[in-house]
PDB file of all heavy atoms in Angstrom:
ATOM      1  N   THR A   1      -3.370   7.938  -5.753  1.00  0.00           N
ATOM      2  CA  THR A   1      -3.185   8.782  -6.931  1.00  0.00           C
ATOM      3  C   THR A   1      -1.915   9.619  -6.787  1.00  0.00           C
ATOM      4  O   THR A   1      -1.395   9.795  -5.677  1.00  0.00           O
ATOM      5  CB  THR A   1      -4.390   9.713  -7.132  1.00  0.00           C
ATOM      6  OG1 THR A   1      -4.585  10.495  -5.940  1.00  0.00           O
ATOM      7  CG2 THR A   1      -5.653   8.911  -7.405  1.00  0.00           C
ATOM      8  N   ASP A   2      -1.434  10.140  -7.911  1.00  0.00           N
ATOM      9  CA  ASP A   2      -0.242  10.981  -7.871  1.00  0.00           C
ATOM     10  C   ASP A   2      -0.635  12.439  -7.669  1.00  0.00           C
ATOM     11  O   ASP A   2      -1.808  12.750  -7.429  1.00  0.00           O
ATOM     12  CB  ASP A   2       0.595  10.795  -9.148  1.00  0.00           C
ATOM     13  CG  ASP A   2      -0.161  11.197 -10.421  1.00  0.00           C
ATOM     14  OD1 ASP A   2      -1.168  11.932 -10.328  1.00  0.00           O
ATOM     15  OD2 ASP A   2       0.247  10.762 -11.513  1.00  0.00           O
ATOM     16  N   SER A   3       0.343  13.345  -7.776  1.00  0.00           N
ATOM     17  CA  SER A   3       0.095  14.764  -7.500  1.00  0.00           C
ATOM     18  C   SER A   3      -0.880  15.392  -8.487  1.00  0.00           C
ATOM     19  O   SER A   3      -1.448  16.445  -8.208  1.00  0.00           O
ATOM     20  CB  SER A   3       1.416  15.524  -7.514  1.00  0.00           C
ATOM     21  OG  SER A   3       2.053  15.389  -8.777  1.00  0.00           O
ATOM     22  N   GLU A   4      -1.069  14.747  -9.640  1.00  0.00           N
ATOM     23  CA  GLU A   4      -1.997  15.265 -10.650  1.00  0.00           C
ATOM     24  C   GLU A   4      -3.342  14.555 -10.623  1.00  0.00           C
ATOM     25  O   GLU A   4      -4.177  14.751 -11.508  1.00  0.00           O
ATOM     26  CB  GLU A   4      -1.365  15.155 -12.044  1.00  0.00           C
ATOM     27  CG  GLU A   4      -0.087  15.984 -12.183  1.00  0.00           C
ATOM     28  CD  GLU A   4       0.530  15.867 -13.565  1.00  0.00           C
ATOM     29  OE1 GLU A   4      -0.058  15.177 -14.435  1.00  0.00           O
ATOM     30  OE2 GLU A   4       1.584  16.472 -13.778  1.00  0.00           O
ATOM     31  N   GLY A   5      -3.544  13.712  -9.607  1.00  0.00           N
ATOM     32  CA  GLY A   5      -4.826  13.034  -9.445  1.00  0.00           C
ATOM     33  C   GLY A   5      -5.001  11.796 -10.293  1.00  0.00           C
ATOM     34  O   GLY A   5      -6.110  11.251 -10.381  1.00  0.00           O
ATOM     35  N   ARG A   6      -3.939  11.315 -10.927  1.00  0.00           N
ATOM     36  CA  ARG A   6      -4.019  10.110 -11.751  1.00  0.00           C
ATOM     37  C   ARG A   6      -3.700   8.884 -10.906  1.00  0.00           C
ATOM     38  O   ARG A   6      -2.867   8.936 -10.002  1.00  0.00           O
ATOM     39  CB  ARG A   6      -3.035  10.197 -12.921  1.00  0.00           C
ATOM     40  CG  ARG A   6      -3.352  11.310 -13.899  1.00  0.00           C
ATOM     41  CD  ARG A   6      -2.287  11.438 -14.964  1.00  0.00           C
ATOM     42  NE  ARG A   6      -0.988  11.751 -14.378  1.00  0.00           N
ATOM     43  CZ  ARG A   6       0.058  12.184 -15.061  1.00  0.00           C
ATOM     44  NH1 ARG A   6      -0.034  12.333 -16.368  1.00  0.00           N
ATOM     45  NH2 ARG A   6       1.200  12.446 -14.465  1.00  0.00           N
ATOM     46  N   PHE A   7      -4.380   7.780 -11.210  1.00  0.00           N
ATOM     47  CA  PHE A   7      -4.118   6.541 -10.478  1.00  0.00           C
ATOM     48  C   PHE A   7      -2.672   6.110 -10.668  1.00  0.00           C
ATOM     49  O   PHE A   7      -2.135   6.126 -11.782  1.00  0.00           O
ATOM     50  CB  PHE A   7      -5.050   5.419 -10.952  1.00  0.00           C
ATOM     51  CG  PHE A   7      -6.450   5.531 -10.423  1.00  0.00           C
ATOM     52  CD1 PHE A   7      -7.484   5.920 -11.260  1.00  0.00           C
ATOM     53  CD2 PHE A   7      -6.726   5.259  -9.093  1.00  0.00           C
ATOM     54  CE1 PHE A   7      -8.778   6.025 -10.784  1.00  0.00           C
ATOM     55  CE2 PHE A   7      -8.018   5.356  -8.602  1.00  0.00           C
ATOM     56  CZ  PHE A   7      -9.045   5.750  -9.440  1.00  0.00           C
ATOM     57  N   ARG A   8      -2.039   5.732  -9.564  1.00  0.00           N
ATOM     58  CA  ARG A   8      -0.692   5.176  -9.634  1.00  0.00           C
ATOM     59  C   ARG A   8      -0.762   3.717 -10.097  1.00  0.00           C
ATOM     60  O   ARG A   8      -1.828   3.087 -10.055  1.00  0.00           O
ATOM     61  CB  ARG A   8      -0.032   5.232  -8.259  1.00  0.00           C
ATOM     62  CG  ARG A   8       0.130   6.638  -7.708  1.00  0.00           C
ATOM     63  CD  ARG A   8       0.657   6.597  -6.289  1.00  0.00           C
ATOM     64  NE  ARG A   8       1.988   5.998  -6.239  1.00  0.00           N
ATOM     65  CZ  ARG A   8       2.472   5.335  -5.178  1.00  0.00           C
ATOM     66  NH1 ARG A   8       1.721   5.153  -4.099  1.00  0.00           N
ATOM     67  NH2 ARG A   8       3.692   4.837  -5.211  1.00  0.00           N
ATOM     68  N   ASP A   9       0.374   3.185 -10.534  1.00  0.00           N
ATOM     69  CA  ASP A   9       0.417   1.769 -10.887  1.00  0.00           C
ATOM     70  C   ASP A   9       0.088   0.924  -9.667  1.00  0.00           C
ATOM     71  O   ASP A   9       0.562   1.189  -8.552  1.00  0.00           O
ATOM     72  CB  ASP A   9       1.795   1.402 -11.425  1.00  0.00           C
ATOM     73  CG  ASP A   9       2.049   1.972 -12.815  1.00  0.00           C
ATOM     74  OD1 ASP A   9       1.054   2.243 -13.521  1.00  0.00           O
ATOM     75  OD2 ASP A   9       3.219   2.129 -13.182  1.00  0.00           O
ATOM     76  N   PHE A  10      -0.729  -0.087  -9.892  1.00  0.00           N
ATOM     77  CA  PHE A  10      -1.256  -0.895  -8.789  1.00  0.00           C
ATOM     78  C   PHE A  10      -0.138  -1.505  -7.936  1.00  0.00           C
ATOM     79  O   PHE A  10      -0.197  -1.485  -6.708  1.00  0.00           O
ATOM     80  CB  PHE A  10      -2.139  -2.004  -9.371  1.00  0.00           C
ATOM     81  CG  PHE A  10      -2.783  -2.883  -8.340  1.00  0.00           C
ATOM     82  CD1 PHE A  10      -3.815  -2.412  -7.557  1.00  0.00           C
ATOM     83  CD2 PHE A  10      -2.345  -4.184  -8.147  1.00  0.00           C
ATOM     84  CE1 PHE A  10      -4.416  -3.205  -6.605  1.00  0.00           C
ATOM     85  CE2 PHE A  10      -2.942  -4.990  -7.193  1.00  0.00           C
ATOM     86  CZ  PHE A  10      -3.978  -4.505  -6.421  1.00  0.00           C
ATOM     87  N   LEU A  11       0.884  -2.038  -8.577  1.00  0.00           N
ATOM     88  CA  LEU A  11       1.948  -2.699  -7.819  1.00  0.00           C
ATOM     89  C   LEU A  11       2.780  -1.702  -7.024  1.00  0.00           C
ATOM     90  O   LEU A  11       3.330  -2.055  -5.973  1.00  0.00           O
ATOM     91  CB  LEU A  11       2.826  -3.522  -8.754  1.00  0.00           C
ATOM     92  CG  LEU A  11       2.116  -4.737  -9.365  1.00  0.00           C
ATOM     93  CD1 LEU A  11       2.982  -5.382 -10.438  1.00  0.00           C
ATOM     94  CD2 LEU A  11       1.756  -5.767  -8.296  1.00  0.00           C
ATOM     95  N   ASP A  12       2.879  -0.454  -7.474  1.00  0.00           N
ATOM     96  CA  ASP A  12       3.566   0.568  -6.682  1.00  0.00           C
ATOM     97  C   ASP A  12       2.801   0.846  -5.394  1.00  0.00           C
ATOM     98  O   ASP A  12       3.402   1.076  -4.332  1.00  0.00           O
ATOM     99  CB  ASP A  12       3.710   1.856  -7.492  1.00  0.00           C
ATOM    100  CG  ASP A  12       4.736   1.724  -8.607  1.00  0.00           C
ATOM    101  OD1 ASP A  12       5.566   0.796  -8.543  1.00  0.00           O
ATOM    102  OD2 ASP A  12       4.699   2.547  -9.545  1.00  0.00           O
ATOM    103  N   VAL A  13       1.484   0.837  -5.483  1.00  0.00           N
ATOM    104  CA  VAL A  13       0.657   1.019  -4.287  1.00  0.00           C
ATOM    105  C   VAL A  13       0.919  -0.120  -3.296  1.00  0.00           C
ATOM    106  O   VAL A  13       1.098   0.112  -2.087  1.00  0.00           O
ATOM    107  CB  VAL A  13      -0.840   1.088  -4.666  1.00  0.00           C
ATOM    108  CG1 VAL A  13      -1.721   1.080  -3.406  1.00  0.00           C
ATOM    109  CG2 VAL A  13      -1.120   2.323  -5.508  1.00  0.00           C
ATOM    110  N   LEU A  14       0.973  -1.355  -3.808  1.00  0.00           N
ATOM    111  CA  LEU A  14       1.194  -2.495  -2.913  1.00  0.00           C
ATOM    112  C   LEU A  14       2.599  -2.484  -2.322  1.00  0.00           C
ATOM    113  O   LEU A  14       2.790  -2.869  -1.159  1.00  0.00           O
ATOM    114  CB  LEU A  14       0.945  -3.808  -3.658  1.00  0.00           C
ATOM    115  CG  LEU A  14      -0.495  -4.068  -4.116  1.00  0.00           C
ATOM    116  CD1 LEU A  14      -0.650  -5.522  -4.569  1.00  0.00           C
ATOM    117  CD2 LEU A  14      -1.498  -3.751  -3.021  1.00  0.00           C
ATOM    118  N   VAL A  15       3.589  -2.055  -3.097  1.00  0.00           N
ATOM    119  CA  VAL A  15       4.962  -1.948  -2.564  1.00  0.00           C
ATOM    120  C   VAL A  15       4.991  -0.948  -1.411  1.00  0.00           C
ATOM    121  O   VAL A  15       5.600  -1.197  -0.364  1.00  0.00           O
ATOM    122  CB  VAL A  15       5.947  -1.535  -3.677  1.00  0.00           C
ATOM    123  CG1 VAL A  15       7.281  -1.090  -3.083  1.00  0.00           C
ATOM    124  CG2 VAL A  15       6.178  -2.691  -4.642  1.00  0.00           C
ATOM    125  N   ASP A  16       4.327   0.190  -1.590  1.00  0.00           N
ATOM    126  CA  ASP A  16       4.284   1.199  -0.520  1.00  0.00           C
ATOM    127  C   ASP A  16       3.513   0.704   0.693  1.00  0.00           C
ATOM    128  O   ASP A  16       3.764   1.154   1.822  1.00  0.00           O
ATOM    129  CB  ASP A  16       3.631   2.486  -1.040  1.00  0.00           C
ATOM    130  CG  ASP A  16       4.530   3.245  -1.999  1.00  0.00           C
ATOM    131  OD1 ASP A  16       5.701   2.836  -2.172  1.00  0.00           O
ATOM    132  OD2 ASP A  16       4.062   4.240  -2.583  1.00  0.00           O
ATOM    133  N   LEU A  17       2.576  -0.206   0.470  1.00  0.00           N
ATOM    134  CA  LEU A  17       1.760  -0.733   1.562  1.00  0.00           C
ATOM    135  C   LEU A  17       2.517  -1.762   2.413  1.00  0.00           C
ATOM    136  O   LEU A  17       2.183  -1.966   3.585  1.00  0.00           O
ATOM    137  CB  LEU A  17       0.492  -1.370   0.981  1.00  0.00           C
ATOM    138  CG  LEU A  17      -0.549  -1.936   1.941  1.00  0.00           C
ATOM    139  CD1 LEU A  17      -1.052  -0.869   2.900  1.00  0.00           C
ATOM    140  CD2 LEU A  17      -1.716  -2.541   1.157  1.00  0.00           C
ATOM    141  N   GLU A  18       3.526  -2.404   1.843  1.00  0.00           N
ATOM    142  CA  GLU A  18       4.231  -3.494   2.525  1.00  0.00           C
ATOM    143  C   GLU A  18       4.758  -3.123   3.914  1.00  0.00           C
ATOM    144  O   GLU A  18       4.583  -3.887   4.864  1.00  0.00           O
ATOM    145  CB  GLU A  18       5.376  -4.021   1.650  1.00  0.00           C
ATOM    146  CG  GLU A  18       4.959  -5.095   0.672  1.00  0.00           C
ATOM    147  CD  GLU A  18       4.357  -6.301   1.362  1.00  0.00           C
ATOM    148  OE1 GLU A  18       5.030  -6.935   2.190  1.00  0.00           O
ATOM    149  OE2 GLU A  18       3.195  -6.602   1.102  1.00  0.00           O
ATOM    150  N   PRO A  19       5.442  -1.980   4.087  1.00  0.00           N
ATOM    151  CA  PRO A  19       5.940  -1.661   5.440  1.00  0.00           C
ATOM    152  C   PRO A  19       4.827  -1.575   6.483  1.00  0.00           C
ATOM    153  O   PRO A  19       4.996  -2.033   7.622  1.00  0.00           O
ATOM    154  CB  PRO A  19       6.636  -0.306   5.241  1.00  0.00           C
ATOM    155  CG  PRO A  19       7.008  -0.280   3.801  1.00  0.00           C
ATOM    156  CD  PRO A  19       5.899  -0.990   3.094  1.00  0.00           C
ATOM    157  N   ALA A  20       3.687  -0.984   6.092  1.00  0.00           N
ATOM    158  CA  ALA A  20       2.564  -0.878   7.024  1.00  0.00           C
ATOM    159  C   ALA A  20       2.017  -2.256   7.372  1.00  0.00           C
ATOM    160  O   ALA A  20       1.707  -2.546   8.540  1.00  0.00           O
ATOM    161  CB  ALA A  20       1.467  -0.001   6.431  1.00  0.00           C
ATOM    162  N   LEU A  21       1.919  -3.141   6.383  1.00  0.00           N
ATOM    163  CA  LEU A  21       1.429  -4.497   6.636  1.00  0.00           C
ATOM    164  C   LEU A  21       2.392  -5.253   7.544  1.00  0.00           C
ATOM    165  O   LEU A  21       1.978  -6.041   8.402  1.00  0.00           O
ATOM    166  CB  LEU A  21       1.258  -5.261   5.323  1.00  0.00           C
ATOM    167  CG  LEU A  21       0.178  -4.745   4.362  1.00  0.00           C
ATOM    168  CD1 LEU A  21       0.171  -5.588   3.086  1.00  0.00           C
ATOM    169  CD2 LEU A  21      -1.196  -4.758   5.018  1.00  0.00           C
ATOM    170  N   GLY A  22       3.693  -4.990   7.382  1.00  0.00           N
ATOM    171  CA  GLY A  22       4.694  -5.671   8.192  1.00  0.00           C
ATOM    172  C   GLY A  22       4.613  -5.316   9.660  1.00  0.00           C
ATOM    173  O   GLY A  22       5.060  -6.091  10.522  1.00  0.00           O
ATOM    174  N   ARG A  23       4.047  -4.146   9.968  1.00  0.00           N
ATOM    175  CA  ARG A  23       3.907  -3.723  11.373  1.00  0.00           C
ATOM    176  C   ARG A  23       2.629  -4.239  12.008  1.00  0.00           C
ATOM    177  O   ARG A  23       2.408  -4.045  13.204  1.00  0.00           O
ATOM    178  CB  ARG A  23       3.947  -2.191  11.452  1.00  0.00           C
ATOM    179  CG  ARG A  23       5.288  -1.586  11.069  1.00  0.00           C
ATOM    180  CD  ARG A  23       5.342  -0.113  11.392  1.00  0.00           C
ATOM    181  NE  ARG A  23       4.423   0.670  10.582  1.00  0.00           N
ATOM    182  CZ  ARG A  23       4.744   1.236   9.412  1.00  0.00           C
ATOM    183  NH1 ARG A  23       5.966   1.068   8.915  1.00  0.00           N
ATOM    184  NH2 ARG A  23       3.866   1.938   8.742  1.00  0.00           N
ATOM    185  N   MET A  24       1.765  -4.871  11.210  1.00  0.00           N
ATOM    186  CA  MET A  24       0.482  -5.365  11.722  1.00  0.00           C
ATOM    187  C   MET A  24       0.595  -6.821  12.146  1.00  0.00           C
ATOM    188  O   MET A  24       1.418  -7.572  11.618  1.00  0.00           O
ATOM    189  CB  MET A  24      -0.605  -5.247  10.652  1.00  0.00           C
ATOM    190  CG  MET A  24      -0.909  -3.840  10.193  1.00  0.00           C
ATOM    191  SD  MET A  24      -2.175  -3.859   8.868  1.00  0.00           S
ATOM    192  CE  MET A  24      -2.177  -2.137   8.376  1.00  0.00           C
ATOM    193  N   THR A  25      -0.262  -7.219  13.086  1.00  0.00           N
ATOM    194  CA  THR A  25      -0.379  -8.638  13.396  1.00  0.00           C
ATOM    195  C   THR A  25      -1.069  -9.335  12.230  1.00  0.00           C
ATOM    196  O   THR A  25      -1.691  -8.683  11.374  1.00  0.00           O
ATOM    197  CB  THR A  25      -1.213  -8.853  14.660  1.00  0.00           C
ATOM    198  OG1 THR A  25      -2.562  -8.391  14.413  1.00  0.00           O
ATOM    199  CG2 THR A  25      -0.634  -8.103  15.853  1.00  0.00           C
ATOM    200  N   GLU A  26      -0.977 -10.645  12.176  1.00  0.00           N
ATOM    201  CA  GLU A  26      -1.606 -11.381  11.085  1.00  0.00           C
ATOM    202  C   GLU A  26      -3.106 -11.136  11.053  1.00  0.00           C
ATOM    203  O   GLU A  26      -3.702 -10.966   9.979  1.00  0.00           O
ATOM    204  CB  GLU A  26      -1.312 -12.872  11.245  1.00  0.00           C
ATOM    205  CG  GLU A  26      -1.736 -13.713  10.059  1.00  0.00           C
ATOM    206  CD  GLU A  26      -1.279 -15.153  10.187  1.00  0.00           C
ATOM    207  OE1 GLU A  26      -0.146 -15.384  10.639  1.00  0.00           O
ATOM    208  OE2 GLU A  26      -2.074 -16.039   9.827  1.00  0.00           O
ATOM    209  N   LYS A  27      -3.723 -11.102  12.238  1.00  0.00           N
ATOM    210  CA  LYS A  27      -5.166 -10.875  12.311  1.00  0.00           C
ATOM    211  C   LYS A  27      -5.517  -9.476  11.825  1.00  0.00           C
ATOM    212  O   LYS A  27      -6.463  -9.289  11.047  1.00  0.00           O
ATOM    213  CB  LYS A  27      -5.639 -11.067  13.753  1.00  0.00           C
ATOM    214  CG  LYS A  27      -7.135 -10.851  13.945  1.00  0.00           C
ATOM    215  CD  LYS A  27      -7.528 -11.093  15.394  1.00  0.00           C
ATOM    216  CE  LYS A  27      -9.021 -10.864  15.602  1.00  0.00           C
ATOM    217  NZ  LYS A  27      -9.410 -11.066  17.024  1.00  0.00           N
ATOM    218  N   ARG A  28      -4.743  -8.481  12.266  1.00  0.00           N
ATOM    219  CA  ARG A  28      -5.003  -7.100  11.868  1.00  0.00           C
ATOM    220  C   ARG A  28      -4.758  -6.918  10.377  1.00  0.00           C
ATOM    221  O   ARG A  28      -5.502  -6.205   9.687  1.00  0.00           O
ATOM    222  CB  ARG A  28      -4.094  -6.166  12.682  1.00  0.00           C
ATOM    223  CG  ARG A  28      -4.071  -4.719  12.214  1.00  0.00           C
ATOM    224  CD  ARG A  28      -5.408  -4.058  12.344  1.00  0.00           C
ATOM    225  NE  ARG A  28      -5.365  -2.698  11.858  1.00  0.00           N
ATOM    226  CZ  ARG A  28      -6.334  -2.106  11.174  1.00  0.00           C
ATOM    227  NH1 ARG A  28      -7.455  -2.764  10.895  1.00  0.00           N
ATOM    228  NH2 ARG A  28      -6.215  -0.865  10.778  1.00  0.00           N
ATOM    229  N   ARG A  29      -3.733  -7.582   9.844  1.00  0.00           N
ATOM    230  CA  ARG A  29      -3.420  -7.461   8.422  1.00  0.00           C
ATOM    231  C   ARG A  29      -4.580  -7.965   7.569  1.00  0.00           C
ATOM    232  O   ARG A  29      -5.006  -7.314   6.617  1.00  0.00           O
ATOM    233  CB  ARG A  29      -2.152  -8.253   8.104  1.00  0.00           C
ATOM    234  CG  ARG A  29      -1.653  -8.065   6.673  1.00  0.00           C
ATOM    235  CD  ARG A  29      -0.458  -8.965   6.415  1.00  0.00           C
ATOM    236  NE  ARG A  29       0.566  -8.779   7.403  1.00  0.00           N
ATOM    237  CZ  ARG A  29       1.110  -9.747   8.138  1.00  0.00           C
ATOM    238  NH1 ARG A  29       0.734 -11.001   7.967  1.00  0.00           N
ATOM    239  NH2 ARG A  29       2.035  -9.476   9.029  1.00  0.00           N
ATOM    240  N   GLY A  30      -5.105  -9.138   7.918  1.00  0.00           N
ATOM    241  CA  GLY A  30      -6.220  -9.695   7.165  1.00  0.00           C
ATOM    242  C   GLY A  30      -7.445  -8.801   7.226  1.00  0.00           C
ATOM    243  O   GLY A  30      -8.123  -8.597   6.214  1.00  0.00           O
TER     244      GLY A  30
END
């Protein structure tokens, strides 16, 4: 959610998640 508690756009959440997923092993990512 954003600073006002509203859900962010779904794809923005996934874009922000990409760096964290990139640091995980394939098993850990799944």
